Protein backbone atom coordinates (compact mmCIF):
# COMPACT_ATOMS: atom_id res chain seq x y z
CA UNK A 1 18.11 -62.15 29.19
CA UNK A 2 17.72 -65.87 29.03
CA UNK A 3 19.34 -67.03 32.18
CA UNK A 4 22.14 -69.59 31.99
CA UNK A 5 22.63 -72.34 34.49
CA UNK A 6 26.32 -73.08 34.48
CA UNK A 7 28.05 -76.31 35.33
CA UNK A 8 31.69 -77.30 34.98
CA UNK A 9 30.85 -79.04 31.73
CA UNK A 10 28.33 -76.81 30.01
CA UNK A 11 26.16 -73.81 30.02
CA UNK A 12 22.51 -74.45 29.62
CA UNK A 13 19.61 -72.03 29.05
CA UNK A 14 17.13 -71.68 31.85
CA UNK A 15 14.29 -73.42 30.14
CA UNK A 16 14.03 -76.45 31.64
CA UNK A 17 -6.25 -64.57 37.72
CA UNK A 18 -9.16 -64.29 38.46
CA UNK A 19 -9.28 -60.99 36.58
CA UNK A 20 -9.79 -60.96 32.82
CA UNK A 21 -8.90 -57.32 32.35
CA UNK A 22 -7.35 -56.63 29.01
CA UNK A 23 -4.39 -54.56 30.07
CA UNK A 24 -2.20 -53.42 32.89
CA UNK A 25 -4.05 -50.44 34.39
CA UNK A 26 -2.13 -47.95 36.53
CA UNK A 27 -1.84 -44.24 37.00
CA UNK A 28 -0.93 -42.68 33.65
CA UNK A 29 1.30 -39.93 34.96
CA UNK A 30 5.05 -40.07 34.31
CA UNK A 31 7.15 -41.70 36.99
CA UNK A 32 9.28 -39.45 39.17
CA UNK A 33 12.56 -40.04 37.34
CA UNK A 34 15.56 -37.83 36.63
CA UNK A 35 15.65 -36.31 33.22
CA UNK A 36 18.65 -37.67 31.24
CA UNK A 37 21.41 -35.15 30.75
CA UNK A 38 20.97 -33.55 27.31
CA UNK A 39 22.40 -30.06 27.40
CA UNK A 40 25.21 -29.54 24.90
CA UNK A 41 27.25 -27.71 27.49
CA UNK A 42 27.52 -30.74 29.77
CA UNK A 43 30.24 -33.37 29.53
CA UNK A 44 27.73 -36.14 29.00
CA UNK A 45 25.04 -36.11 26.33
CA UNK A 46 22.56 -38.60 24.91
CA UNK A 47 20.09 -38.45 22.11
CA UNK A 48 16.31 -38.30 22.68
CA UNK A 49 13.45 -39.71 20.59
CA UNK A 50 9.68 -39.61 21.05
CA UNK A 51 7.52 -42.17 19.27
CA UNK A 52 3.85 -41.87 18.26
CA UNK A 53 2.51 -44.94 16.57
CA UNK A 54 -0.84 -46.24 15.30
CA UNK A 55 -0.87 -50.00 14.70
CA UNK A 56 -3.68 -52.12 13.22
CA UNK A 57 -3.11 -55.82 13.87
CA UNK A 58 -4.81 -58.64 11.96
CA UNK A 59 -4.69 -61.63 14.27
CA UNK A 60 -5.73 -63.99 11.44
CA UNK A 61 -2.90 -63.20 9.03
CA UNK A 62 -0.42 -61.96 11.71
CA UNK A 63 0.19 -58.87 9.60
CA UNK A 64 -0.12 -55.27 10.74
CA UNK A 65 -0.03 -51.77 9.32
CA UNK A 66 1.73 -48.98 11.10
CA UNK A 67 2.01 -45.24 11.10
CA UNK A 68 4.92 -43.74 13.00
CA UNK A 69 5.71 -40.14 13.93
CA UNK A 70 9.14 -39.86 15.48
CA UNK A 71 10.48 -36.62 16.97
CA UNK A 72 14.27 -36.81 17.20
CA UNK A 73 16.41 -34.40 19.21
CA UNK A 74 20.07 -34.24 18.37
CA UNK A 75 21.73 -33.55 21.72
CA UNK A 76 25.15 -34.37 20.26
CA UNK A 77 27.73 -31.79 19.27
CA UNK A 78 27.81 -33.34 15.77
CA UNK A 79 26.01 -32.61 12.52
CA UNK A 80 24.09 -35.73 11.37
CA UNK A 81 23.80 -36.34 7.64
CA UNK A 82 22.08 -39.72 7.85
CA UNK A 83 20.15 -41.84 10.29
CA UNK A 84 19.54 -45.60 10.62
CA UNK A 85 16.58 -47.67 11.80
CA UNK A 86 16.57 -51.23 13.03
CA UNK A 87 14.06 -53.55 11.28
CA UNK A 88 14.52 -56.52 13.58
CA UNK A 89 11.77 -58.70 12.18
CA UNK A 90 13.74 -58.99 8.93
CA UNK A 91 16.09 -61.35 10.71
CA UNK A 92 13.49 -64.06 10.57
CA UNK A 93 13.87 -64.78 6.84
CA UNK A 94 15.76 -67.61 5.10
CA UNK A 95 19.23 -66.39 4.17
CA UNK A 96 19.36 -63.62 6.85
CA UNK A 97 22.51 -63.10 8.83
CA UNK A 98 20.79 -64.65 11.88
CA UNK A 99 19.83 -67.69 9.85
CA UNK A 100 23.26 -68.20 8.25
CA UNK A 101 25.19 -67.55 11.47
CA UNK A 102 23.02 -70.08 13.29
CA UNK A 103 23.69 -72.68 10.64
CA UNK A 104 27.47 -72.11 10.53
CA UNK A 105 28.50 -71.55 14.14
CA UNK A 106 29.90 -74.67 15.79
CA UNK A 107 27.37 -74.77 18.63
CA UNK A 108 24.14 -73.12 17.44
CA UNK A 109 21.44 -72.05 19.88
CA UNK A 110 19.09 -75.05 19.83
CA UNK A 111 16.08 -72.73 19.83
CA UNK A 112 17.20 -71.38 16.45
CA UNK A 113 19.17 -74.08 14.71
CA UNK A 114 18.09 -74.20 11.07
CA UNK A 115 14.43 -73.18 11.82
CA UNK A 116 14.68 -69.82 10.09
CA UNK A 117 15.83 -71.43 6.84
CA UNK A 118 12.60 -73.49 6.82
CA UNK A 119 10.13 -70.62 7.25
CA UNK A 120 7.43 -70.33 4.65
CA UNK A 121 6.39 -67.00 3.13
CA UNK A 122 3.47 -66.65 5.53
CA UNK A 123 5.76 -67.55 8.49
CA UNK A 124 8.63 -65.17 7.95
CA UNK A 125 9.00 -61.81 9.63
CA UNK A 126 9.37 -58.52 7.88
CA UNK A 127 9.05 -54.79 8.27
CA UNK A 128 8.57 -52.99 4.97
CA UNK A 129 8.88 -49.21 4.97
CA UNK A 130 6.52 -47.67 2.41
CA UNK A 131 7.12 -43.94 2.93
CA UNK A 132 9.52 -41.94 5.05
CA UNK A 133 9.69 -38.18 5.39
CA UNK A 134 11.79 -35.63 7.31
CA UNK A 135 9.79 -32.58 8.28
CA UNK A 136 7.46 -33.38 5.36
CA UNK A 137 10.21 -33.94 2.81
CA UNK A 138 10.46 -37.40 1.20
CA UNK A 139 13.69 -39.28 1.96
CA UNK A 140 15.76 -41.81 0.09
CA UNK A 141 16.34 -45.01 2.04
CA UNK A 142 17.62 -48.50 1.54
CA UNK A 143 16.81 -51.70 3.39
CA UNK A 144 19.94 -53.74 4.12
CA UNK A 145 18.90 -56.83 6.04
CA UNK A 146 17.76 -55.67 9.46
CA UNK A 147 18.93 -52.09 8.99
CA UNK A 148 17.30 -49.18 7.13
CA UNK A 149 19.88 -46.74 5.80
CA UNK A 150 18.43 -43.23 5.43
CA UNK A 151 19.89 -40.23 3.61
CA UNK A 152 18.60 -37.03 5.12
CA UNK A 153 17.04 -34.21 3.14
CA UNK A 154 18.79 -31.72 5.42
CA UNK A 155 21.48 -32.35 8.00
CA UNK A 156 20.39 -32.31 11.62
CA UNK A 157 22.33 -29.65 13.43
CA UNK A 158 23.52 -29.92 17.03
CA UNK A 159 20.59 -29.07 19.35
CA UNK A 160 18.08 -29.34 16.50
CA UNK A 161 14.83 -31.34 16.52
CA UNK A 162 13.29 -32.99 13.44
CA UNK A 163 10.15 -34.99 12.82
CA UNK A 164 10.22 -38.24 10.83
CA UNK A 165 6.91 -39.71 9.57
CA UNK A 166 6.65 -43.23 8.26
CA UNK A 167 4.09 -45.71 6.96
CA UNK A 168 5.10 -49.37 7.12
CA UNK A 169 3.73 -52.89 6.73
CA UNK A 170 4.89 -55.85 8.80
CA UNK A 171 4.39 -59.50 9.41
CA UNK A 172 4.95 -61.26 12.71
CA UNK A 173 7.28 -64.29 12.24
CA UNK A 174 6.65 -67.72 13.62
CA UNK A 175 8.22 -67.49 17.06
CA UNK A 176 11.87 -68.60 16.96
CA UNK A 177 13.95 -66.14 18.97
CA UNK A 178 12.35 -63.80 21.53
CA UNK A 179 9.70 -62.32 19.17
CA UNK A 180 6.97 -63.86 17.16
CA UNK A 181 3.63 -65.64 17.00
CA UNK A 182 2.43 -68.96 18.35
CA UNK A 183 5.35 -69.83 20.56
CA UNK A 184 5.88 -73.39 21.73
CA UNK A 185 3.52 -72.83 24.66
CA UNK A 186 0.77 -71.48 22.40
CA UNK A 187 1.00 -67.76 23.15
CA UNK A 188 -0.39 -65.89 20.18
CA UNK A 189 1.74 -62.75 20.03
CA UNK A 190 5.10 -61.93 21.61
CA UNK A 191 5.73 -58.47 20.25
CA UNK A 192 9.26 -57.44 20.94
CA UNK A 193 11.49 -55.26 18.78
CA UNK A 194 8.50 -55.14 16.41
CA UNK A 195 8.56 -51.53 15.10
CA UNK A 196 11.08 -49.55 13.00
CA UNK A 197 13.44 -48.47 15.78
CA UNK A 198 15.88 -45.59 15.41
CA UNK A 199 19.45 -46.63 16.02
CA UNK A 200 21.51 -45.16 18.83
CA UNK A 201 24.08 -42.44 18.16
CA UNK A 202 26.53 -41.57 20.91
CA UNK A 203 30.11 -40.39 21.43
CA UNK A 204 31.27 -43.50 19.54
CA UNK A 205 29.02 -42.72 16.54
CA UNK A 206 26.19 -44.78 15.09
CA UNK A 207 25.33 -48.20 16.46
CA UNK A 208 23.50 -49.63 13.45
CA UNK A 209 24.43 -53.24 14.21
CA UNK A 210 22.61 -55.98 12.23
CA UNK A 211 20.45 -58.35 14.26
CA UNK A 212 22.44 -61.57 14.23
CA UNK A 213 21.66 -63.12 17.55
CA UNK A 214 22.38 -60.94 20.55
CA UNK A 215 20.69 -57.99 22.08
CA UNK A 216 20.00 -54.31 21.89
CA UNK A 217 21.08 -50.67 22.37
CA UNK A 218 18.37 -48.05 22.07
CA UNK A 219 17.54 -44.34 22.50
CA UNK A 220 15.67 -42.98 25.52
CA UNK A 221 12.34 -41.30 24.94
CA UNK A 222 8.56 -41.26 25.45
CA UNK A 223 6.22 -43.62 23.60
CA UNK A 224 2.58 -43.08 22.58
CA UNK A 225 0.95 -46.13 21.02
CA UNK A 226 -2.58 -46.73 19.70
CA UNK A 227 -2.96 -50.44 19.13
CA UNK A 228 -6.00 -51.82 17.31
CA UNK A 229 -6.52 -55.55 17.74
CA UNK A 230 -9.23 -58.21 18.01
CA UNK A 231 -11.44 -57.32 21.02
CA UNK A 232 -11.12 -60.80 22.52
CA UNK A 233 -7.35 -60.50 22.95
CA UNK A 234 -5.96 -59.74 26.39
CA UNK A 235 -2.91 -57.43 26.09
CA UNK A 236 -0.10 -56.75 28.56
CA UNK A 237 3.30 -55.06 28.40
CA UNK A 238 4.94 -51.69 28.44
CA UNK A 239 3.14 -48.45 29.23
CA UNK A 240 0.08 -47.14 31.02
CA UNK A 241 -3.39 -47.55 29.52
CA UNK A 242 -4.91 -44.18 28.68
CA UNK A 243 -8.18 -45.37 27.08
CA UNK A 244 -9.90 -48.29 25.40
CA UNK A 245 -12.51 -48.10 22.64
CA UNK A 246 -14.37 -51.04 21.11
CA UNK A 247 -15.38 -50.78 17.47
CA UNK A 248 -17.19 -53.83 16.15
CA UNK A 249 -14.90 -56.86 16.33
CA UNK A 250 -11.82 -54.78 17.29
CA UNK A 251 -10.73 -52.53 20.06
CA UNK A 252 -8.14 -49.71 20.18
CA UNK A 253 -5.95 -49.48 23.24
CA UNK A 254 -4.04 -46.23 23.86
CA UNK A 255 -0.84 -46.53 25.84
CA UNK A 256 1.78 -44.06 27.02
CA UNK A 257 5.23 -45.01 28.29
CA UNK A 258 7.42 -42.22 29.65
CA UNK A 259 11.22 -42.38 29.77
CA UNK A 260 11.83 -45.82 28.22
CA UNK A 261 14.03 -47.04 25.39
CA UNK A 262 11.76 -49.86 24.18
CA UNK A 263 8.12 -50.80 23.96
CA UNK A 264 6.92 -54.41 24.18
CA UNK A 265 3.54 -56.07 24.29
CA UNK A 266 2.09 -59.53 24.23
CA UNK A 267 -1.46 -60.65 23.50
CA UNK A 268 -3.51 -63.84 23.69
CA UNK A 269 -7.25 -64.55 24.00
CA UNK A 270 -6.59 -67.07 26.77
CA UNK A 271 -4.53 -64.94 29.09
CA UNK A 272 -5.43 -64.82 32.77
CA UNK A 273 -4.53 -61.39 34.27
CA UNK A 274 -3.74 -61.23 38.01
CA UNK A 275 -2.51 -58.22 39.88
CA UNK A 276 -0.68 -57.75 43.16
CA UNK A 277 0.37 -54.49 44.78
CA UNK A 278 3.92 -54.13 46.14
CA UNK A 279 3.66 -52.14 49.42
CA UNK A 280 5.01 -48.66 48.68
CA UNK A 281 5.89 -49.91 45.22
CA UNK A 282 4.50 -50.70 41.82
CA UNK A 283 1.47 -52.75 40.79
CA UNK A 284 2.56 -56.21 39.62
CA UNK A 285 0.73 -57.85 36.74
CA UNK A 286 0.84 -61.47 35.74
CA UNK A 287 -0.34 -62.69 32.33
CA UNK A 288 -0.40 -66.44 31.71
CA UNK A 289 -2.42 -68.97 29.72
CA UNK A 290 -5.54 -70.35 31.30
CA UNK A 291 -4.83 -73.62 29.42
CA UNK A 292 -1.73 -74.43 31.47
CA UNK A 293 -1.81 -77.67 33.41
CA UNK A 294 -3.16 -77.43 36.97
CA UNK A 295 0.30 -77.65 38.61
CA UNK A 296 1.69 -74.91 36.35
CA UNK A 297 -1.31 -72.68 37.06
CA UNK A 298 -0.65 -73.18 40.77
CA UNK A 299 3.04 -72.23 40.18
CA UNK A 300 1.93 -68.92 38.61
CA UNK A 301 -0.20 -68.22 41.70
CA UNK A 302 2.64 -69.00 44.07
CA UNK A 303 5.04 -66.87 41.96
CA UNK A 304 3.16 -63.71 42.73
CA UNK A 305 4.10 -63.09 46.43
CA UNK A 306 7.68 -64.15 45.60
CA UNK A 307 7.78 -61.46 42.91
CA UNK A 308 6.82 -58.91 45.54
CA UNK A 309 9.75 -60.04 47.64
CA UNK A 310 12.06 -59.85 44.65
CA UNK A 311 10.92 -56.33 43.80
CA UNK A 312 11.52 -55.26 47.41
CA UNK A 313 14.96 -56.84 47.45
CA UNK A 314 16.12 -55.04 44.27
CA UNK A 315 14.62 -51.78 45.48
CA UNK A 316 16.66 -52.07 48.70
CA UNK A 317 19.92 -53.30 47.22
CA UNK A 318 20.10 -51.30 43.96
CA UNK A 319 17.62 -48.42 43.91
CA UNK A 320 13.98 -47.63 43.70
CA UNK A 321 12.01 -48.95 40.74
CA UNK A 322 10.76 -45.73 39.13
CA UNK A 323 7.63 -46.84 37.24
CA UNK A 324 4.14 -47.55 38.59
CA UNK A 325 3.81 -51.07 37.26
CA UNK A 326 5.72 -54.17 36.24
CA UNK A 327 4.40 -57.18 34.34
CA UNK A 328 5.47 -60.84 34.20
CA UNK A 329 4.09 -62.25 30.95
CA UNK A 330 4.10 -65.78 29.57
CA UNK A 331 5.55 -65.58 26.06
CA UNK A 332 8.75 -65.59 24.05
CA UNK A 333 11.26 -68.45 24.06
CA UNK A 334 12.86 -68.48 27.54
CA UNK A 335 13.21 -65.21 29.43
CA UNK A 336 13.88 -61.70 28.20
CA UNK A 337 13.63 -58.30 29.83
CA UNK A 338 11.81 -55.30 28.37
CA UNK A 339 10.42 -51.93 29.44
CA UNK A 340 8.25 -52.38 32.50
CA UNK A 341 7.89 -56.11 31.82
CA UNK A 342 9.47 -59.45 31.03
CA UNK A 343 8.42 -62.27 28.71
CA UNK A 344 9.11 -65.76 30.06
CA UNK A 345 8.08 -69.28 29.17
CA UNK A 346 5.59 -70.52 31.70
CA UNK A 347 5.62 -74.29 31.67
CA UNK A 348 8.18 -74.50 34.47
CA UNK A 349 8.55 -75.98 37.93
CA UNK A 350 8.21 -73.47 40.71
CA UNK A 351 11.88 -72.95 41.39
CA UNK A 352 12.59 -72.34 37.67
CA UNK A 353 9.66 -69.93 37.41
CA UNK A 354 10.93 -67.87 40.34
CA UNK A 355 14.49 -68.08 39.07
CA UNK A 356 13.78 -66.77 35.62
CA UNK A 357 11.55 -64.03 37.06
CA UNK A 358 14.27 -63.02 39.48
CA UNK A 359 16.82 -62.81 36.65
CA UNK A 360 14.65 -60.91 34.21
CA UNK A 361 13.31 -58.53 36.84
CA UNK A 362 16.84 -57.75 37.93
CA UNK A 363 17.52 -56.76 34.33
CA UNK A 364 15.14 -53.82 34.88
CA UNK A 365 18.01 -52.27 36.78
CA UNK A 366 21.06 -53.79 35.16
CA UNK A 367 20.16 -53.17 31.54
CA UNK A 368 16.94 -51.28 31.24
CA UNK A 369 17.58 -48.43 33.71
CA UNK A 370 21.36 -48.72 33.41
CA UNK A 371 21.19 -49.02 29.68
CA UNK A 372 24.60 -50.32 28.71
CA UNK A 373 25.36 -51.15 25.10
CA UNK A 374 24.65 -54.87 25.18
CA UNK A 375 26.54 -55.51 21.95
CA UNK A 376 29.79 -54.21 23.39
CA UNK A 377 29.42 -54.64 27.14
CA UNK A 378 27.07 -57.62 27.39
CA UNK A 379 28.74 -58.79 30.59
CA UNK A 380 27.72 -55.63 32.43
CA UNK A 381 24.03 -56.39 32.17
CA UNK A 382 24.11 -60.17 32.07
CA UNK A 383 26.79 -60.61 34.65
CA UNK A 384 25.60 -57.94 37.09
CA UNK A 385 22.09 -59.27 36.72
CA UNK A 386 23.20 -62.84 37.39
CA UNK A 387 25.11 -61.66 40.48
CA UNK A 388 22.23 -59.75 42.08
CA UNK A 389 19.49 -62.19 41.08
CA UNK A 390 21.47 -65.07 42.63
CA UNK A 391 21.57 -63.08 45.85
CA UNK A 392 17.87 -62.32 45.60
CA UNK A 393 16.93 -65.95 45.00
CA UNK A 394 19.05 -67.01 47.95
CA UNK A 395 17.17 -64.46 50.05
CA UNK A 396 13.61 -65.24 49.04
CA UNK A 397 14.13 -68.97 49.36
CA UNK A 398 16.06 -68.51 52.64
CA UNK A 399 18.90 -70.73 51.43
CA UNK A 400 21.68 -69.05 53.47
CA UNK A 401 24.35 -70.00 50.94
CA UNK A 402 27.96 -69.16 51.73
CA UNK A 403 28.37 -68.00 48.18
CA UNK A 404 25.19 -67.74 46.08
CA UNK A 405 27.37 -67.10 42.98
CA UNK A 406 29.44 -70.30 43.31
CA UNK A 407 27.92 -71.63 40.12
CA UNK A 408 29.17 -68.60 38.21
CA UNK A 409 32.69 -69.19 39.63
CA UNK A 410 32.56 -72.79 38.40
CA UNK A 411 31.37 -71.77 35.01
CA UNK A 412 34.11 -69.16 34.57
CA UNK A 413 36.83 -71.48 35.78
CA UNK A 414 35.70 -74.12 33.29
CA UNK A 415 35.90 -71.57 30.48
CA UNK A 416 39.25 -70.12 31.59
CA UNK A 417 40.82 -73.60 31.37
CA UNK A 418 39.01 -74.63 28.19
CA UNK A 419 41.15 -72.75 25.69
CA UNK A 420 38.01 -71.15 24.23
CA UNK A 421 37.85 -67.95 26.31
CA UNK A 422 37.83 -64.54 24.62
CA UNK A 423 38.13 -61.20 26.40
CA UNK A 424 34.93 -59.57 27.73
CA UNK A 425 35.67 -56.72 25.27
CA UNK A 426 34.58 -59.04 22.46
CA UNK A 427 31.52 -57.89 20.57
CA UNK A 428 28.58 -60.06 21.57
CA UNK A 429 28.16 -61.40 18.02
CA UNK A 430 31.89 -62.12 17.55
CA UNK A 431 32.39 -64.97 19.96
CA UNK A 432 33.55 -68.13 18.20
CA UNK A 433 31.31 -70.25 20.31
CA UNK A 434 27.90 -69.61 21.77
CA UNK A 435 29.00 -71.37 24.94
CA UNK A 436 31.95 -69.00 25.32
CA UNK A 437 29.63 -66.01 24.96
CA UNK A 438 27.21 -67.38 27.49
CA UNK A 439 29.82 -68.23 30.17
CA UNK A 440 31.65 -64.96 29.55
CA UNK A 441 28.60 -62.70 29.71
CA UNK A 442 26.72 -64.48 32.53
CA UNK A 443 29.34 -66.28 34.65
CA UNK A 444 32.47 -64.18 34.25
CA UNK A 445 30.40 -61.03 34.39
CA UNK A 446 28.90 -62.20 37.70
CA UNK A 447 32.33 -63.15 39.02
CA UNK A 448 33.63 -59.67 38.09
CA UNK A 449 31.28 -58.03 40.59
CA UNK A 450 31.28 -60.87 43.17
CA UNK A 451 35.08 -60.87 43.29
CA UNK A 452 35.08 -57.12 43.64
CA UNK A 453 33.47 -57.81 47.01
CA UNK A 454 36.71 -59.52 47.93
CA UNK A 455 38.86 -56.71 46.51
CA UNK A 456 37.16 -53.66 48.12
CA UNK A 457 35.00 -55.21 50.88
CA UNK A 458 31.33 -56.09 51.14
CA UNK A 459 30.12 -52.72 52.48
CA UNK A 460 32.01 -50.81 49.81
CA UNK A 461 30.54 -52.99 47.09
CA UNK A 462 26.99 -52.46 48.37
CA UNK A 463 27.56 -48.69 48.40
CA UNK A 464 29.11 -48.85 44.92
CA UNK A 465 26.04 -50.61 43.43
CA UNK A 466 23.71 -48.02 44.88
CA UNK A 467 25.85 -45.03 43.83
CA UNK A 468 26.26 -46.49 40.35
CA UNK A 469 22.47 -46.69 39.95
CA UNK A 470 21.98 -43.22 41.44
CA UNK A 471 24.48 -41.60 39.09
CA UNK A 472 23.90 -43.54 35.87
CA UNK A 473 20.21 -44.54 35.88
CA UNK A 474 18.51 -43.43 32.64
CA UNK A 475 21.89 -43.14 30.91
CA UNK A 476 24.19 -45.43 29.03
CA UNK A 477 27.07 -46.32 31.38
CA UNK A 478 30.25 -48.01 30.36
CA UNK A 479 32.63 -50.31 32.23
CA UNK A 480 34.80 -47.39 33.28
CA UNK A 481 31.79 -45.68 34.86
CA UNK A 482 31.22 -48.62 37.17
CA UNK A 483 34.86 -49.04 38.14
CA UNK A 484 35.32 -45.30 38.75
CA UNK A 485 32.29 -45.40 41.05
CA UNK A 486 33.92 -48.25 42.97
CA UNK A 487 37.16 -46.21 43.17
CA UNK A 488 35.39 -43.20 44.52
CA UNK A 489 33.54 -45.26 47.15
CA UNK A 490 36.53 -47.31 48.25
CA UNK A 491 39.33 -44.80 47.80
CA UNK A 492 41.33 -47.51 45.99
CA UNK A 493 42.87 -47.61 42.52
CA UNK A 494 41.07 -50.30 40.53
CA UNK A 495 41.90 -49.73 36.86
CA UNK A 496 44.11 -52.82 36.99
CA UNK A 497 41.08 -54.95 37.93
CA UNK A 498 38.98 -53.71 35.05
CA UNK A 499 41.91 -54.11 32.64
CA UNK A 500 42.97 -57.62 33.54
CA UNK A 501 39.67 -59.31 34.21
CA UNK A 502 37.49 -57.62 31.53
CA UNK A 503 39.97 -56.73 28.79
CA UNK A 504 42.27 -59.74 28.74
CA UNK A 505 42.09 -63.46 29.36
CA UNK A 506 44.76 -63.29 32.06
CA UNK A 507 44.06 -65.66 34.90
CA UNK A 508 44.52 -65.61 38.67
CA UNK A 509 46.75 -68.30 40.18
CA UNK A 510 48.45 -67.88 43.54
CA UNK A 511 50.22 -70.67 45.39
CA UNK A 512 51.87 -71.46 48.69
CA UNK A 513 55.43 -72.08 47.62
CA UNK A 514 57.06 -73.01 50.91
CA UNK A 515 56.87 -72.99 54.70
CA UNK A 516 60.12 -72.85 56.61
CA UNK A 517 59.65 -72.54 60.34
CA UNK A 518 58.18 -69.12 60.81
CA UNK A 519 58.74 -67.97 57.21
CA UNK A 520 56.10 -68.32 54.50
CA UNK A 521 56.71 -67.85 50.77
CA UNK A 522 53.85 -67.33 48.37
CA UNK A 523 54.02 -67.36 44.58
CA UNK A 524 52.09 -65.58 41.82
CA UNK A 525 51.83 -67.96 38.86
CA UNK A 526 49.02 -66.36 36.87
CA UNK A 527 49.38 -62.97 35.20
CA UNK A 528 46.47 -61.25 36.93
CA UNK A 529 47.32 -59.56 40.23
CA UNK A 530 45.18 -59.66 43.35
CA UNK A 531 45.45 -58.60 46.99
CA UNK A 532 45.72 -61.71 49.15
CA UNK A 533 43.83 -62.93 52.15
CA UNK A 534 45.80 -65.71 53.88
CA UNK A 535 45.21 -67.77 57.02
CA UNK A 536 48.08 -69.33 58.96
CA UNK A 537 47.67 -72.20 61.31
CA UNK A 538 50.49 -72.37 63.89
CA UNK A 539 52.15 -75.37 65.48
CA UNK A 540 49.98 -74.83 68.54
CA UNK A 541 46.84 -75.09 66.34
CA UNK A 542 45.95 -71.43 66.77
CA UNK A 543 45.16 -69.45 63.61
CA UNK A 544 45.79 -65.93 62.40
CA UNK A 545 44.44 -64.05 59.36
CA UNK A 546 46.71 -61.79 57.32
CA UNK A 547 46.03 -59.35 54.53
CA UNK A 548 48.64 -58.70 51.87
CA UNK A 549 47.78 -55.48 49.99
CA UNK A 550 48.33 -55.24 46.26
CA UNK A 551 50.77 -52.43 45.81
CA UNK A 552 49.11 -50.96 42.72
CA UNK A 553 45.79 -50.61 44.58
CA UNK A 554 47.38 -47.82 46.69
CA UNK A 555 45.46 -48.84 49.79
CA UNK A 556 43.67 -51.61 51.57
CA UNK A 557 40.08 -52.85 51.91
CA UNK A 558 38.48 -52.70 55.39
CA UNK A 559 39.60 -55.84 57.20
CA UNK A 560 40.00 -57.31 60.66
CA UNK A 561 43.04 -59.26 59.53
CA UNK A 562 46.64 -58.30 60.26
CA UNK A 563 47.85 -56.05 57.44
CA UNK A 564 51.41 -56.69 56.31
CA UNK A 565 53.64 -55.24 53.61
CA UNK A 566 52.47 -54.66 50.00
CA UNK A 567 53.11 -57.18 47.25
CA UNK A 568 54.26 -55.45 44.02
CA UNK A 569 52.88 -57.37 40.97
CA UNK A 570 56.17 -57.76 39.09
CA UNK A 571 57.73 -59.82 41.88
CA UNK A 572 56.72 -63.47 41.38
CA UNK A 573 57.27 -64.44 45.00
CA UNK A 574 56.53 -62.89 48.35
CA UNK A 575 58.02 -63.96 51.73
CA UNK A 576 56.96 -62.83 55.21
CA UNK A 577 57.84 -64.00 58.69
CA UNK A 578 55.76 -64.40 61.82
CA UNK A 579 56.60 -64.91 65.48
CA UNK A 580 55.48 -68.54 65.67
CA UNK A 581 56.25 -71.76 63.93
CA UNK A 582 53.83 -72.20 61.03
CA UNK A 583 52.02 -75.53 60.53
CA UNK A 584 49.92 -74.75 57.46
CA UNK A 585 48.93 -71.90 55.16
CA UNK A 586 45.78 -71.26 53.12
CA UNK A 587 45.31 -68.57 50.50
CA UNK A 588 41.73 -67.17 50.19
CA UNK A 589 40.06 -69.40 52.76
CA UNK A 590 36.60 -68.04 51.83
CA UNK A 591 37.11 -69.00 48.15
CA UNK A 592 36.20 -65.61 46.73
CA UNK A 593 39.08 -65.38 44.28
CA UNK A 594 38.55 -66.98 40.85
CA UNK A 595 41.82 -68.82 41.19
CA UNK A 596 42.21 -71.28 38.28
CA UNK A 597 44.19 -73.79 40.38
CA UNK A 598 43.03 -74.12 43.96
CA UNK A 599 45.08 -77.24 44.55
CA UNK A 600 48.15 -75.11 45.29
CA UNK A 601 46.37 -72.62 47.58
CA UNK A 602 46.97 -74.62 50.70
CA UNK A 603 49.98 -76.34 52.18
């Protein structure tokens, strides 16, 4: 999602082709992807939904009519007596929860502010459901803000499949947050979360959260869309183009998107459409306005080979991208990931353009394919994405940084000492401050995985990331799924790490308490435990590295350091002796621990 650049004082949003083909064209067959587990006899289950939609867009009024056929398979062991749909465009109306929250939070997102409250009737967003049927039977339903509450005519039994049919009318809002028309860079249509979208139901029940400001949790399925729009509009986004028919002043584009949990498109009559093939990988598409200034147009050209490098980096370090295309599209309000594509603002310097593309592309793995519930575990997609995209940027720009995630460490340490931190278990909409949400999700989330490198070792972390993707791609993993993967790879007990760093605001603070000849005493001041890397410099100026295992880990990471006795967490101090006179001691010489007070790490 919109990438944050983090400093010690603040967190700031990352704002700062020859072809005129109308759509991404690629092989229409389904990608070779694993089928999500759905049998009722298995331990894991997830729901499945297939969408067929026909949309007629009026580019003059920004209104559209829709017909939707939705086939829903109840893979749960539960009987369902109701269902819920998200009507996200309803958030862009004066008095909506998004509007009021933005006007009452202490530090509103500057892109939103009070803009929603000022929308005129022809500028608001809405989705109005006109008819809704279950297997041909009319249903009773009620629109409550951004959620449609539906009473079923008949309960949906475990293993059963039902068909919902719907007619709806909608209006595209003036672009404010992610979606909308006529964004600040002049892109006509950024169509994200634009259709009635069935809410997710899982082992925790329904997730019919109102759209207040954060992000999404959706059901996996196949999409079939027929979009009728002005024939002069160039369209890019999710899905493979099956056919195109021109009828008078309009054209109908038929797309199919297999195994996705979202469908996004953008359209503008001034789009340039470039393509570039990734060797042994997907076709990359780039949609950007021909009216950009010359230097910005050049940046979009230079972006393209860098995007190839980024795709190859993520394929190597996470897992193979499973679809046959990926699109980088100018639109939206910053940067946001979607199925097979991202929308980003395009009036950027080259570094910013590559940076936002790296971040949003990385989300294809850490959010889209590993589809965590972003309302409850926002740090898993934002933080893990920040971590891996920082590494990717460092690679493609050949920076050779000692720690590409140092900015995330600085951001987290600022928050930890600010008095405003809340646990990572906080619902994404329930943070008291937007800044606290941003630093927690992006920076602390990145530190969670970067610091795990320190805890279990670099090779084990690399293997963990790949195994995590292999086991949980096309599913909805939770924090415990990631940490259990790390445990299985490393052979270490790591529940303490997930508990302390993600479920509390406990901090890490270790200190060198004293040096007495050949005896060294360390002190744990913070509540959060860690294994300790320590370097001793002797009186003869030679050095030696030591590793102090954390007793509750029940093992040690691979290390070339001298391993000494375990440190049990409850003991606040730890003393060990060596054979030489000690001159100085440094805890964590590579600065990979998020220690809140580094001034006492060396003596």
